[in-house]
C-alpha atoms as a PDB file:
ATOM      1  CA  MET A   1      13.743   3.164  10.434  1.00  0.00           C
ATOM      2  CA  ASN A   2      10.330   2.578  12.293  1.00  0.00           C
ATOM      3  CA  LEU A   3      12.391   4.492  15.231  1.00  0.00           C
ATOM      4  CA  LEU A   4      12.935   7.246  13.620  1.00  0.00           C
ATOM      5  CA  LYS A   5       9.491   7.514  12.643  1.00  0.00           C
ATOM      6  CA  SER A   6       8.108   6.834  15.769  1.00  0.00           C
ATOM      7  CA  LEU A   7       9.870   9.741  17.237  1.00  0.00           C
ATOM      8  CA  PHE A   8       8.874  11.876  14.542  1.00  0.00           C
ATOM      9  CA  VAL A   9       4.888  11.222  14.204  1.00  0.00           C
ATOM     10  CA  THR A  10       4.925  12.322  17.805  1.00  0.00           C
ATOM     11  CA  SER A  11       7.194  15.115  17.670  1.00  0.00           C
ATOM     12  CA  TYR A  12       4.838  16.805  14.772  1.00  0.00           C
ATOM     13  CA  ILE A  13       1.961  16.656  16.202  1.00  0.00           C
ATOM     14  CA  LEU A  14       2.905  18.427  19.665  1.00  0.00           C
ATOM     15  CA  ALA A  15       4.889  20.827  17.499  1.00  0.00           C
ATOM     16  CA  SER A  16       1.990  21.472  15.118  1.00  0.00           C
ATOM     17  CA  ASN A  17      -0.157  22.060  18.050  1.00  0.00           C
ATOM     18  CA  ALA A  18       1.935  24.301  20.502  1.00  0.00           C
ATOM     19  CA  ALA A  19       3.084  26.606  17.070  1.00  0.00           C
ATOM     20  CA  ALA A  20      -0.740  27.408  16.657  1.00  0.00           C
ATOM     21  CA  MET A  21      -1.355  28.261  20.148  1.00  0.00           C
ATOM     22  CA  VAL A  22       1.701  30.290  19.818  1.00  0.00           C
ATOM     23  CA  ALA A  23       0.495  32.137  16.582  1.00  0.00           C
ATOM     24  CA  VAL A  24      -3.310  32.251  18.496  1.00  0.00           C
ATOM     25  CA  TYR A  25      -1.546  34.064  21.635  1.00  0.00           C
ATOM     26  CA  ARG A  26       0.775  36.354  19.506  1.00  0.00           C
ATOM     27  CA  LEU A  27      -2.308  37.470  17.279  1.00  0.00           C
ATOM     28  CA  PHE A  28      -4.047  38.481  20.075  1.00  0.00           C
ATOM     29  CA  SER A  29      -0.845  40.478  21.403  1.00  0.00           C
ATOM     30  CA  ASP A  30       0.098  41.803  18.221  1.00  0.00           C
ATOM     31  CA  GLY A  31      -2.720  42.259  15.829  1.00  0.00           C
ATOM     32  CA  ALA A  32      -4.280  40.252  12.798  1.00  0.00           C
ATOM     33  CA  ALA A  33      -1.852  41.542  10.490  1.00  0.00           C
ATOM     34  CA  SER A  34       1.217  40.085  12.547  1.00  0.00           C
ATOM     35  CA  PRO A  35       3.099  37.345  10.728  1.00  0.00           C
ATOM     36  CA  TRP A  36       1.953  34.994  13.222  1.00  0.00           C
ATOM     37  CA  LEU A  37      -1.075  34.565  11.031  1.00  0.00           C
ATOM     38  CA  GLY A  38       0.415  32.668   8.350  1.00  0.00           C
ATOM     39  CA  THR A  39       2.087  30.392  11.222  1.00  0.00           C
ATOM     40  CA  LEU A  40      -1.341  30.020  12.199  1.00  0.00           C
ATOM     41  CA  ILE A  41      -2.193  28.843   8.713  1.00  0.00           C
ATOM     42  CA  ALA A  42       0.583  26.663   8.326  1.00  0.00           C
ATOM     43  CA  CYS A  43       0.559  25.097  11.727  1.00  0.00           C
ATOM     44  CA  GLY A  44      -2.917  24.413  12.391  1.00  0.00           C
ATOM     45  CA  ALA A  45      -3.898  22.914   9.199  1.00  0.00           C
ATOM     46  CA  PRO A  46      -1.860  19.947  10.639  1.00  0.00           C
ATOM     47  CA  ALA A  47      -3.384  19.987  14.129  1.00  0.00           C
ATOM     48  CA  LEU A  48      -6.532  20.570  13.113  1.00  0.00           C
ATOM     49  CA  PHE A  49      -6.031  17.185  11.115  1.00  0.00           C
ATOM     50  CA  PHE A  50      -4.883  15.288  13.599  1.00  0.00           C
ATOM     51  CA  ASN A  51      -7.391  16.901  16.502  1.00  0.00           C
ATOM     52  CA  ARG A  52      -9.917  15.967  14.425  1.00  0.00           C
ATOM     53  CA  LEU A  53      -8.895  12.851  13.794  1.00  0.00           C
ATOM     54  CA  LEU A  54      -8.936  12.050  17.498  1.00  0.00           C
ATOM     55  CA  LEU A  55     -12.330  13.628  18.280  1.00  0.00           C
ATOM     56  CA  ALA A  56     -13.952  12.650  15.284  1.00  0.00           C
ATOM     57  CA  PRO A  57     -12.189   9.404  13.361  1.00  0.00           C
ATOM     58  CA  VAL A  58     -12.498   8.500  10.068  1.00  0.00           C
ATOM     59  CA  ALA A  59     -11.353   5.075   8.385  1.00  0.00           C
ATOM     60  CA  ARG A  60      -9.547   6.817   5.537  1.00  0.00           C
ATOM     61  CA  THR A  61      -7.995  10.042   4.256  1.00  0.00           C
ATOM     62  CA  SER A  62      -6.645  10.938   0.737  1.00  0.00           C
ATOM     63  CA  ASP A  63      -3.590   9.751   0.093  1.00  0.00           C
ATOM     64  CA  THR A  64      -1.666  12.901   0.187  1.00  0.00           C
ATOM     65  CA  LEU A  65      -3.199  15.225   1.942  1.00  0.00           C
ATOM     66  CA  TRP A  66      -2.997  18.136  -0.325  1.00  0.00           C
ATOM     67  CA  PRO A  67      -5.294  20.839   1.923  1.00  0.00           C
ATOM     68  CA  VAL A  68      -2.337  20.223   4.570  1.00  0.00           C
ATOM     69  CA  LEU A  69       0.409  20.831   2.524  1.00  0.00           C
ATOM     70  CA  THR A  70      -1.351  23.710   0.556  1.00  0.00           C
ATOM     71  CA  ALA A  71      -1.902  25.573   3.869  1.00  0.00           C
ATOM     72  CA  GLY A  72       1.872  24.553   5.016  1.00  0.00           C
ATOM     73  CA  VAL A  73       3.080  26.280   2.044  1.00  0.00           C
ATOM     74  CA  THR A  74       0.190  29.335   2.150  1.00  0.00           C
ATOM     75  CA  GLY A  75       1.176  30.333   5.863  1.00  0.00           C
ATOM     76  CA  THR A  76       4.903  30.323   4.604  1.00  0.00           C
ATOM     77  CA  ALA A  77       4.317  33.040   2.254  1.00  0.00           C
ATOM     78  CA  VAL A  78       1.644  34.633   4.434  1.00  0.00           C
ATOM     79  CA  SER A  79       4.273  35.204   7.225  1.00  0.00           C
ATOM     80  CA  VAL A  80       7.045  36.695   4.844  1.00  0.00           C
ATOM     81  CA  LEU A  81       4.744  38.593   3.502  1.00  0.00           C
ATOM     82  CA  LEU A  82       3.731  40.126   6.535  1.00  0.00           C
ATOM     83  CA  ALA A  83       7.063  40.592   7.965  1.00  0.00           C
ATOM     84  CA  GLY A  84       8.398  42.474   4.745  1.00  0.00           C
ATOM     85  CA  GLY A  85       9.848  39.676   3.214  1.00  0.00           C
ATOM     86  CA  LEU A  86      11.788  38.843   6.048  1.00  0.00           C
ATOM     87  CA  ILE A  87      11.720  35.254   7.644  1.00  0.00           C
ATOM     88  CA  GLY A  88      11.307  35.683  11.481  1.00  0.00           C
ATOM     89  CA  TRP A  89      10.690  33.113  14.070  1.00  0.00           C
ATOM     90  CA  ALA A  90       6.932  32.648  12.661  1.00  0.00           C
ATOM     91  CA  GLY A  91       8.027  32.399   9.015  1.00  0.00           C
ATOM     92  CA  TRP A  92      10.819  29.504  10.323  1.00  0.00           C
ATOM     93  CA  LEU A  93       7.917  27.853  12.448  1.00  0.00           C
ATOM     94  CA  SER A  94       5.447  27.659   9.547  1.00  0.00           C
ATOM     95  CA  LEU A  95       8.183  26.729   6.865  1.00  0.00           C
ATOM     96  CA  LEU A  96       9.578  23.955   9.701  1.00  0.00           C
ATOM     97  CA  ILE A  97       6.243  22.503  10.744  1.00  0.00           C
ATOM     98  CA  GLY A  98       3.666  23.682   7.797  1.00  0.00           C
ATOM     99  CA  VAL A  99       6.089  22.538   5.276  1.00  0.00           C
ATOM    100  CA  LEU A 100       8.693  20.301   5.734  1.00  0.00           C
ATOM    101  CA  ALA A 101       7.317  17.919   8.485  1.00  0.00           C
ATOM    102  CA  SER A 102       4.107  17.899   6.970  1.00  0.00           C
ATOM    103  CA  VAL A 103       5.979  17.084   3.686  1.00  0.00           C
ATOM    104  CA  ILE A 104       7.771  14.675   5.652  1.00  0.00           C
ATOM    105  CA  TYR A 105       4.599  12.855   7.429  1.00  0.00           C
ATOM    106  CA  VAL A 106       2.936  12.632   4.473  1.00  0.00           C
ATOM    107  CA  PHE A 107       5.693  11.108   1.668  1.00  0.00           C
ATOM    108  CA  TRP A 108       7.787   9.455   4.395  1.00  0.00           C
ATOM    109  CA  TYR A 109       5.774   8.922   7.838  1.00  0.00           C
ATOM    110  CA  SER A 110       2.364   7.405   6.241  1.00  0.00           C
ATOM    111  CA  ARG A 111       3.831   5.062   3.807  1.00  0.00           C
ATOM    112  CA  PHE A 112       4.840   1.687   4.238  1.00  0.00           C
ATOM    113  CA  SER A 113       7.908  -0.564   2.533  1.00  0.00           C
ATOM    114  CA  ALA A 114       6.954  -3.570   0.354  1.00  0.00           C
ATOM    115  CA  PRO A 115       6.396  -6.541   2.495  1.00  0.00           C
ATOM    116  CA  PRO A 116       8.950  -9.464   2.536  1.00  0.00           C
ATOM    117  CA  ALA A 117       8.558 -11.202  -1.006  1.00  0.00           C
ATOM    118  CA  SER A 118       8.804 -14.547   1.264  1.00  0.00           C
ATOM    119  CA  ALA A 119       5.756 -13.590   3.253  1.00  0.00           C
ATOM    120  CA  PRO A 120       3.177 -16.173   2.923  1.00  0.00           C
ATOM    121  CA  LEU A 121       0.102 -13.925   2.961  1.00  0.00           C
ATOM    122  CA  LYS A 122      -0.430 -14.129  -0.411  1.00  0.00           C
ATOM    123  CA  GLN A 123      -3.927 -14.071  -2.302  1.00  0.00           C
ATOM    124  CA  GLY A 124      -4.589 -17.157  -3.416  1.00  0.00           C
ATOM    125  CA  ARG A 125      -2.536 -18.974  -1.142  1.00  0.00           C
ATOM    126  CA  PRO A 126      -4.154 -20.576   2.107  1.00  0.00           C
ATOM    127  CA  LEU A 127      -2.963 -19.269   5.135  1.00  0.00           C
ATOM    128  CA  PRO A 128      -0.531 -20.946   6.853  1.00  0.00           C
ATOM    129  CA  ASP A 129      -0.842 -22.457  10.239  1.00  0.00           C
ATOM    130  CA  PHE A 130      -0.300 -20.592  13.450  1.00  0.00           C
ATOM    131  CA  GLU A 131      -2.595 -19.889  16.922  1.00  0.00           C
ATOM    132  CA  LEU A 132      -4.326 -16.729  18.161  1.00  0.00           C
ATOM    133  CA  ARG A 133      -5.914 -16.044  21.361  1.00  0.00           C
ATOM    134  CA  ASP A 134      -9.666 -15.930  21.720  1.00  0.00           C
ATOM    135  CA  GLY A 135      -9.926 -14.725  25.688  1.00  0.00           C
ATOM    136  CA  SER A 136      -8.616 -17.563  27.748  1.00  0.00           C
ATOM    137  CA  ALA A 137      -8.726 -20.143  24.779  1.00  0.00           C
ATOM    138  CA  VAL A 138      -5.864 -20.673  21.803  1.00  0.00           C
ATOM    139  CA  VAL A 139      -7.751 -20.906  18.621  1.00  0.00           C
ATOM    140  CA  THR A 140      -6.310 -22.386  15.507  1.00  0.00           C
ATOM    141  CA  ARG A 141      -6.004 -21.200  11.989  1.00  0.00           C
ATOM    142  CA  GLU A 142      -7.971 -24.762  11.073  1.00  0.00           C
ATOM    143  CA  GLN A 143     -10.624 -23.562  13.333  1.00  0.00           C
ATOM    144  CA  LEU A 144     -10.954 -20.044  12.348  1.00  0.00           C
ATOM    145  CA  THR A 145     -11.013 -21.020   8.223  1.00  0.00           C
ATOM    146  CA  ALA A 146     -13.770 -23.345   8.934  1.00  0.00           C
ATOM    147  CA  ARG A 147     -15.890 -20.966   7.106  1.00  0.00           C
ATOM    148  CA  PRO A 148     -15.575 -17.824   4.966  1.00  0.00           C
ATOM    149  CA  ALA A 149     -13.694 -14.958   7.186  1.00  0.00           C
ATOM    150  CA  LEU A 150     -13.022 -11.739   7.066  1.00  0.00           C
ATOM    151  CA  TRP A 151      -9.704 -10.394   8.782  1.00  0.00           C
ATOM    152  CA  VAL A 152      -8.362  -7.257  10.040  1.00  0.00           C
ATOM    153  CA  PHE A 153      -5.249  -6.632  11.719  1.00  0.00           C
ATOM    154  CA  PHE A 154      -5.575  -3.792  13.583  1.00  0.00           C
ATOM    155  CA  ARG A 155      -2.640  -1.501  16.038  1.00  0.00           C
ATOM    156  CA  GLY A 156      -4.954  -0.971  18.783  1.00  0.00           C
ATOM    157  CA  ASN A 157      -6.821   1.049  20.783  1.00  0.00           C
ATOM    158  CA  TRP A 158      -5.249   3.832  20.255  1.00  0.00           C
ATOM    159  CA  CYS A 159      -5.714   4.243  16.556  1.00  0.00           C
ATOM    160  CA  PRO A 160      -8.467   6.614  15.477  1.00  0.00           C
ATOM    161  CA  LEU A 161      -8.261   4.853  12.300  1.00  0.00           C
ATOM    162  CA  CYS A 162      -8.367   1.517  13.281  1.00  0.00           C
ATOM    163  CA  MET A 163     -11.562   2.381  15.557  1.00  0.00           C
ATOM    164  CA  ALA A 164     -13.372   4.017  12.609  1.00  0.00           C
ATOM    165  CA  GLN A 165     -12.473   0.998  10.234  1.00  0.00           C
ATOM    166  CA  ILE A 166     -13.870  -1.285  12.890  1.00  0.00           C
ATOM    167  CA  LYS A 167     -17.004   0.867  13.555  1.00  0.00           C
ATOM    168  CA  GLU A 168     -17.619   1.042   9.819  1.00  0.00           C
ATOM    169  CA  ILE A 169     -16.969  -2.970   9.049  1.00  0.00           C
ATOM    170  CA  ALA A 170     -19.629  -3.537  12.225  1.00  0.00           C
ATOM    171  CA  ALA A 171     -22.193  -1.310  10.309  1.00  0.00           C
ATOM    172  CA  GLN A 172     -21.846  -3.802   7.764  1.00  0.00           C
ATOM    173  CA  TYR A 173     -21.800  -6.929  10.010  1.00  0.00           C
ATOM    174  CA  GLN A 174     -25.513  -8.341   9.392  1.00  0.00           C
ATOM    175  CA  ALA A 175     -24.794  -8.057   5.742  1.00  0.00           C
ATOM    176  CA  LEU A 176     -21.694 -10.098   6.027  1.00  0.00           C
ATOM    177  CA  ALA A 177     -23.309 -12.573   8.259  1.00  0.00           C
ATOM    178  CA  ALA A 178     -25.867 -13.304   5.567  1.00  0.00           C
ATOM    179  CA  ARG A 179     -23.255 -13.831   3.300  1.00  0.00           C
ATOM    180  CA  GLY A 180     -22.505 -16.704   5.501  1.00  0.00           C
ATOM    181  CA  VAL A 181     -19.098 -14.566   6.628  1.00  0.00           C
ATOM    182  CA  GLU A 182     -17.422 -14.753  10.223  1.00  0.00           C
ATOM    183  CA  VAL A 183     -15.423 -11.313  11.510  1.00  0.00           C
ATOM    184  CA  TYR A 184     -11.978 -11.593  13.022  1.00  0.00           C
ATOM    185  CA  PHE A 185     -10.331  -8.775  14.467  1.00  0.00           C
ATOM    186  CA  VAL A 186      -6.663  -9.354  15.646  1.00  0.00           C
ATOM    187  CA  SER A 187      -4.437  -7.051  17.474  1.00  0.00           C
ATOM    188  CA  PRO A 188      -1.631  -7.538  19.708  1.00  0.00           C
ATOM    189  CA  GLN A 189      -3.325  -5.359  22.608  1.00  0.00           C
ATOM    190  CA  SER A 190      -4.087  -6.541  25.626  1.00  0.00           C
ATOM    191  CA  GLU A 191      -7.266  -9.297  26.015  1.00  0.00           C
ATOM    192  CA  ASP A 192      -9.049  -6.356  28.368  1.00  0.00           C
ATOM    193  CA  ARG A 193      -8.759  -3.930  25.738  1.00  0.00           C
ATOM    194  CA  SER A 194      -9.681  -6.170  23.141  1.00  0.00           C
ATOM    195  CA  ALA A 195     -13.040  -7.186  25.118  1.00  0.00           C
ATOM    196  CA  ALA A 196     -13.578  -3.722  26.372  1.00  0.00           C
ATOM    197  CA  LEU A 197     -13.593  -2.924  22.469  1.00  0.00           C
ATOM    198  CA  ALA A 198     -15.718  -5.754  22.009  1.00  0.00           C
ATOM    199  CA  LYS A 199     -18.411  -4.539  23.992  1.00  0.00           C
ATOM    200  CA  LYS A 200     -19.189  -0.971  22.487  1.00  0.00           C
ATOM    201  CA  PHE A 201     -20.716  -3.153  19.260  1.00  0.00           C
ATOM    202  CA  ASP A 202     -23.961  -5.268  19.016  1.00  0.00           C
ATOM    203  CA  ALA A 203     -22.563  -8.019  17.060  1.00  0.00           C
ATOM    204  CA  PRO A 204     -20.954 -11.175  17.232  1.00  0.00           C
ATOM    205  CA  MET A 205     -17.959 -10.222  16.020  1.00  0.00           C
ATOM    206  CA  ARG A 206     -14.568 -12.047  17.169  1.00  0.00           C
ATOM    207  CA  PHE A 207     -12.053 -10.501  18.894  1.00  0.00           C
ATOM    208  CA  LEU A 208      -8.375 -11.830  18.488  1.00  0.00           C
ATOM    209  CA  THR A 209      -5.058 -11.189  20.277  1.00  0.00           C
ATOM    210  CA  ASP A 210      -2.528 -11.925  18.771  1.00  0.00           C
ATOM    211  CA  PRO A 211       0.509 -12.176  21.695  1.00  0.00           C
ATOM    212  CA  ASP A 212       3.971 -11.120  21.062  1.00  0.00           C
ATOM    213  CA  ASN A 213       2.825 -10.004  17.291  1.00  0.00           C
ATOM    214  CA  ARG A 214       3.940 -13.476  16.353  1.00  0.00           C
ATOM    215  CA  VAL A 215       1.564 -14.588  13.962  1.00  0.00           C
ATOM    216  CA  ALA A 216       1.979 -10.981  12.459  1.00  0.00           C
ATOM    217  CA  GLU A 217       5.442 -11.764  11.926  1.00  0.00           C
ATOM    218  CA  GLN A 218       5.013 -14.518  10.204  1.00  0.00           C
ATOM    219  CA  LEU A 219       2.625 -13.039   8.159  1.00  0.00           C
ATOM    220  CA  GLY A 220       4.809 -10.783   7.116  1.00  0.00           C
ATOM    221  CA  ILE A 221       3.018  -7.416   8.440  1.00  0.00           C
ATOM    222  CA  LEU A 222       5.022  -6.830  11.426  1.00  0.00           C
ATOM    223  CA  GLU A 223       6.264  -3.038  11.944  1.00  0.00           C
ATOM    224  CA  LYS A 224       8.520  -2.754  14.208  1.00  0.00           C
ATOM    225  CA  ASN A 225       8.712   0.477  16.447  1.00  0.00           C
ATOM    226  CA  GLY A 226       5.460   1.452  15.244  1.00  0.00           C
ATOM    227  CA  LEU A 227       3.349   2.926  18.005  1.00  0.00           C
ATOM    228  CA  PRO A 228       4.233   6.326  18.178  1.00  0.00           C
ATOM    229  CA  ALA A 229       6.900   7.550  21.061  1.00  0.00           C
ATOM    230  CA  GLY A 230       4.797   7.734  24.125  1.00  0.00           C
ATOM    231  CA  PHE A 231       2.072   5.316  23.738  1.00  0.00           C
ATOM    232  CA  GLN A 232       4.029   3.216  25.512  1.00  0.00           C
ATOM    233  CA  ALA A 233       3.344   4.585  28.814  1.00  0.00           C
ATOM    234  CA  LEU A 234      -0.069   3.338  28.154  1.00  0.00           C
ATOM    235  CA  GLY A 235       0.512  -0.132  28.189  1.00  0.00           C
ATOM    236  CA  TYR A 236       0.835  -0.819  24.503  1.00  0.00           C
ATOM    237  CA  ASP A 237       3.329  -2.645  22.920  1.00  0.00           C
ATOM    238  CA  SER A 238       5.915  -1.250  20.632  1.00  0.00           C
ATOM    239  CA  ASP A 239       5.620  -3.306  17.627  1.00  0.00           C
ATOM    240  CA  VAL A 240       2.322  -3.520  15.925  1.00  0.00           C
ATOM    241  CA  PRO A 241       0.924  -4.832  12.703  1.00  0.00           C
ATOM    242  CA  ARG A 242       0.501  -3.449   9.561  1.00  0.00           C
ATOM    243  CA  PRO A 243      -3.247  -2.273   9.187  1.00  0.00           C
ATOM    244  CA  SER A 244      -4.360  -5.448   6.789  1.00  0.00           C
ATOM    245  CA  VAL A 245      -7.054  -6.810   5.801  1.00  0.00           C
ATOM    246  CA  PHE A 246      -8.346 -10.099   3.705  1.00  0.00           C
ATOM    247  CA  ILE A 247     -10.737 -12.571   3.203  1.00  0.00           C
ATOM    248  CA  THR A 248     -10.805 -16.657   3.171  1.00  0.00           C
ATOM    249  CA  ASP A 249     -13.080 -18.654   1.825  1.00  0.00           C
ATOM    250  CA  ALA A 250     -13.863 -21.878   3.252  1.00  0.00           C
ATOM    251  CA  GLU A 251     -10.827 -23.993   2.420  1.00  0.00           C
ATOM    252  CA  GLY A 252      -9.002 -20.714   4.014  1.00  0.00           C
ATOM    253  CA  THR A 253      -7.773 -19.732   0.754  1.00  0.00           C
ATOM    254  CA  VAL A 254      -7.053 -16.080   0.465  1.00  0.00           C
ATOM    255  CA  ILE A 255      -9.195 -14.381  -2.108  1.00  0.00           C
ATOM    256  CA  PHE A 256      -9.022 -10.669  -1.752  1.00  0.00           C
ATOM    257  CA  LEU A 257      -5.844  -8.810   0.276  1.00  0.00           C
ATOM    258  CA  ASP A 258      -5.409  -5.086   1.178  1.00  0.00           C
ATOM    259  CA  LEU A 259      -2.027  -4.315   2.960  1.00  0.00           C
ATOM    260  CA  THR A 260      -1.912  -0.668   2.535  1.00  0.00           C
ATOM    261  CA  ASP A 261       1.001   0.831   1.887  1.00  0.00           C
ATOM    262  CA  ASN A 262       0.034   4.111   3.451  1.00  0.00           C
ATOM    263  CA  TYR A 263      -1.336   3.831   6.917  1.00  0.00           C
ATOM    264  CA  ARG A 264      -4.124   6.570   6.241  1.00  0.00           C
ATOM    265  CA  VAL A 265      -5.997   4.599   3.791  1.00  0.00           C
ATOM    266  CA  ARG A 266      -7.872   1.711   4.475  1.00  0.00           C
ATOM    267  CA  PRO A 267     -10.211  -0.585   2.022  1.00  0.00           C
ATOM    268  CA  GLU A 268     -14.003   0.108   1.295  1.00  0.00           C
ATOM    269  CA  PRO A 269     -16.467  -2.539   2.909  1.00  0.00           C
ATOM    270  CA  ALA A 270     -17.757  -2.254  -0.526  1.00  0.00           C
ATOM    271  CA  GLN A 271     -14.808  -3.879  -1.990  1.00  0.00           C
ATOM    272  CA  PHE A 272     -15.156  -6.729   0.351  1.00  0.00           C
ATOM    273  CA  PHE A 273     -18.938  -7.372  -0.741  1.00  0.00           C
ATOM    274  CA  ASP A 274     -17.742  -7.100  -4.583  1.00  0.00           C
ATOM    275  CA  VAL A 275     -14.921 -10.368  -3.900  1.00  0.00           C
ATOM    276  CA  LEU A 276     -17.396 -12.443  -1.857  1.00  0.00           C
ATOM    277  CA  ASP A 277     -20.195 -12.018  -4.537  1.00  0.00           C
ATOM    278  CA  ARG A 278     -18.007 -12.492  -7.400  1.00  0.00           C
ATOM    279  CA  HIS A 279     -16.400 -15.606  -5.277  1.00  0.00           C
ATOM    280  CA  ALA A 280     -19.718 -17.075  -4.951  1.00  0.00           C
ATOM    281  CA  ALA A 281     -20.893 -17.094  -8.091  1.00  0.00           C
ATOM    282  CA  ALA A 282     -17.961 -18.558  -9.325  1.00  0.00           C
END
């Protein structure tokens, strides 16, 4: 299933951008009253969404992306009306990309299925034993849970939402450190990529490597074939972790857990502080 999702999202991004560019060209050649105006509205909305995400990443979006879906329906209606009630190429592109593909993206691609019931990562339970890499060194779960810690499993440097989430947490690092909390970012990407990412932040957060996603699979948060098709050419592995955030106390017990069911929806840092402060006061 994830392989189909991988192929779909890459096709959707490319198709929406291509259709928007064709619409702009046809509007210049045919005039503003062309049915391609509707195509620009319908397909330009998802194209704008993805390009904005790439150029100005945000840590989270709305769950349903109603502006994109509304633009798809509106654009399709405009295309049909300007074509005299007929569905020509402009109308079909608006309908298939702006409406159908957008609905599939929002309500199918963006969603995760529930983690396995047997997965050991659960609130109120201690983390199981595992090993990660910190540069050339191997670090154990026992070493990493000697102090309270905020854990973020992220997909890789290629993911703009992940990058924005890391930047957001880095901005709160001093407040986390004041509460005695370590910050760990875990991904399957190469140590060189993680080291390059770490240099962007003036905070001693630790970027750990999960070779072959072994820990993500152990914790039940592995998404096989979750990488969008084509990114393998950049050296990334096809399997990625589900974007996950959890907090452990000084005994290694999970006191907060967010296994989002939508990759575009991530927890707010305010939630971390609320959990940490309530736990400290208990």
